[in-house]
C-alpha atoms as a PDB file:
ATOM      1  CA  MET A   1    -125.712   5.339  50.320  1.00  0.00           C
ATOM      2  CA  GLU A   2    -127.428   2.016  49.854  1.00  0.00           C
ATOM      3  CA  LYS A   3    -128.993   0.180  52.755  1.00  0.00           C
ATOM      4  CA  HIS A   4    -128.566  -3.441  53.002  1.00  0.00           C
ATOM      5  CA  THR A   5    -131.206  -5.202  55.055  1.00  0.00           C
ATOM      6  CA  GLU A   6    -130.701  -8.833  56.123  1.00  0.00           C
ATOM      7  CA  ILE A   7    -133.344 -11.360  55.926  1.00  0.00           C
ATOM      8  CA  ALA A   8    -133.698 -13.188  59.264  1.00  0.00           C
ATOM      9  CA  PRO A   9    -133.755 -16.808  59.041  1.00  0.00           C
ATOM     10  CA  LYS A  10    -136.991 -18.465  60.078  1.00  0.00           C
ATOM     11  CA  PRO A  11    -137.006 -20.325  63.403  1.00  0.00           C
ATOM     12  CA  HIS A  12    -136.689 -24.014  63.497  1.00  0.00           C
ATOM     13  CA  GLN A  13    -134.616 -23.965  60.087  1.00  0.00           C
ATOM     14  CA  TRP A  14    -132.977 -27.097  61.383  1.00  0.00           C
ATOM     15  CA  LEU A  15    -136.241 -29.015  61.455  1.00  0.00           C
ATOM     16  CA  ALA A  16    -137.010 -27.914  57.848  1.00  0.00           C
ATOM     17  CA  TRP A  17    -133.716 -29.087  56.791  1.00  0.00           C
ATOM     18  CA  CYS A  18    -134.143 -32.640  58.336  1.00  0.00           C
ATOM     19  CA  ALA A  19    -137.459 -32.814  56.819  1.00  0.00           C
ATOM     20  CA  THR A  20    -135.964 -31.996  53.260  1.00  0.00           C
ATOM     21  CA  ALA A  21    -133.103 -34.422  53.860  1.00  0.00           C
ATOM     22  CA  SER A  22    -135.873 -37.125  54.867  1.00  0.00           C
ATOM     23  CA  LEU A  23    -137.896 -36.404  51.595  1.00  0.00           C
ATOM     24  CA  ILE A  24    -134.665 -36.770  49.614  1.00  0.00           C
ATOM     25  CA  VAL A  25    -133.739 -39.995  51.167  1.00  0.00           C
ATOM     26  CA  SER A  26    -137.474 -41.315  50.662  1.00  0.00           C
ATOM     27  CA  SER A  27    -137.281 -40.340  46.970  1.00  0.00           C
ATOM     28  CA  ILE A  28    -134.094 -42.347  46.629  1.00  0.00           C
ATOM     29  CA  MET A  29    -135.781 -45.409  48.363  1.00  0.00           C
ATOM     30  CA  ALA A  30    -138.779 -44.887  45.889  1.00  0.00           C
ATOM     31  CA  SER A  31    -136.492 -44.914  42.954  1.00  0.00           C
ATOM     32  CA  LEU A  32    -134.888 -48.069  44.151  1.00  0.00           C
ATOM     33  CA  ASN A  33    -138.532 -49.551  44.709  1.00  0.00           C
ATOM     34  CA  TRP A  34    -138.030 -50.047  48.365  1.00  0.00           C
ATOM     35  CA  TYR A  35    -141.787 -50.541  49.208  1.00  0.00           C
ATOM     36  CA  PRO A  36    -143.185 -49.984  51.950  1.00  0.00           C
ATOM     37  CA  TRP A  37    -140.038 -48.362  53.358  1.00  0.00           C
ATOM     38  CA  ASP A  38    -140.186 -45.507  51.138  1.00  0.00           C
ATOM     39  CA  ILE A  39    -143.776 -44.767  51.938  1.00  0.00           C
ATOM     40  CA  MET A  40    -142.993 -44.839  55.627  1.00  0.00           C
ATOM     41  CA  GLY A  41    -140.038 -42.302  54.862  1.00  0.00           C
ATOM     42  CA  PHE A  42    -142.321 -40.175  52.826  1.00  0.00           C
ATOM     43  CA  MET A  43    -144.997 -40.175  56.048  1.00  0.00           C
ATOM     44  CA  LEU A  44    -142.121 -39.085  58.295  1.00  0.00           C
ATOM     45  CA  SER A  45    -141.179 -36.303  55.958  1.00  0.00           C
ATOM     46  CA  ASN A  46    -144.537 -35.030  55.482  1.00  0.00           C
ATOM     47  CA  LEU A  47    -145.203 -35.233  59.144  1.00  0.00           C
ATOM     48  CA  LEU A  48    -141.969 -33.204  59.844  1.00  0.00           C
ATOM     49  CA  TRP A  49    -143.174 -30.680  57.232  1.00  0.00           C
ATOM     50  CA  VAL A  50    -146.431 -30.356  59.240  1.00  0.00           C
ATOM     51  CA  ALA A  51    -144.537 -29.696  62.280  1.00  0.00           C
ATOM     52  CA  VAL A  52    -142.518 -26.954  60.408  1.00  0.00           C
ATOM     53  CA  GLY A  53    -145.854 -25.535  58.925  1.00  0.00           C
ATOM     54  CA  VAL A  54    -147.279 -25.236  62.461  1.00  0.00           C
ATOM     55  CA  LEU A  55    -144.235 -23.647  63.890  1.00  0.00           C
ATOM     56  CA  TRP A  56    -144.023 -21.362  60.886  1.00  0.00           C
ATOM     57  CA  ARG A  57    -147.785 -20.663  60.873  1.00  0.00           C
ATOM     58  CA  GLU A  58    -147.887 -21.591  57.259  1.00  0.00           C
ATOM     59  CA  LYS A  59    -151.372 -23.147  56.779  1.00  0.00           C
ATOM     60  CA  SER A  60    -150.532 -24.265  53.121  1.00  0.00           C
ATOM     61  CA  LEU A  61    -147.671 -26.384  54.556  1.00  0.00           C
ATOM     62  CA  VAL A  62    -149.864 -27.878  57.154  1.00  0.00           C
ATOM     63  CA  VAL A  63    -152.871 -28.745  54.839  1.00  0.00           C
ATOM     64  CA  MET A  64    -150.661 -30.113  52.022  1.00  0.00           C
ATOM     65  CA  ASN A  65    -148.540 -32.211  54.150  1.00  0.00           C
ATOM     66  CA  THR A  66    -151.358 -33.497  56.216  1.00  0.00           C
ATOM     67  CA  ALA A  67    -153.251 -34.575  53.089  1.00  0.00           C
ATOM     68  CA  LEU A  68    -150.341 -36.242  51.629  1.00  0.00           C
ATOM     69  CA  THR A  69    -149.700 -38.229  54.821  1.00  0.00           C
ATOM     70  CA  ALA A  70    -153.439 -39.273  54.834  1.00  0.00           C
ATOM     71  CA  ILE A  71    -153.200 -40.329  51.315  1.00  0.00           C
ATOM     72  CA  TYR A  72    -150.046 -42.521  52.073  1.00  0.00           C
ATOM     73  CA  ILE A  73    -151.941 -44.110  55.108  1.00  0.00           C
ATOM     74  CA  VAL A  74    -154.881 -44.882  52.845  1.00  0.00           C
ATOM     75  CA  GLY A  75    -152.659 -46.408  50.356  1.00  0.00           C
ATOM     76  CA  LEU A  76    -150.876 -48.731  52.931  1.00  0.00           C
ATOM     77  CA  VAL A  77    -154.079 -49.723  54.410  1.00  0.00           C
ATOM     78  CA  PHE A  78    -155.839 -50.793  50.997  1.00  0.00           C
ATOM     79  CA  THR A  79    -152.653 -52.678  50.087  1.00  0.00           C
ATOM     80  CA  TYR A  80    -152.452 -54.637  53.125  1.00  0.00           C
ATOM     81  CA  LEU A  81    -155.910 -55.117  54.069  1.00  0.00           C
ATOM     82  CA  LYS A  82    -157.379 -56.326  50.637  1.00  0.00           C
END
């Protein structure tokens, strides 16, 4: 007889789905050239993924999304302060 083991969902899965939805909407805004709103959406998405990474204790999510958020901030600063 075969045993079936269920994989338990990670906690705070709803937050990960919100971050994913935000990322998709931001990508749509980028494709429509809605600058700087698309960048703001990407920053929100990445910050949500940072929160998910912290809650899930996934250092790779935290590092990658923190770096992306910093890159977006630097880009906005250089765009509007030159």
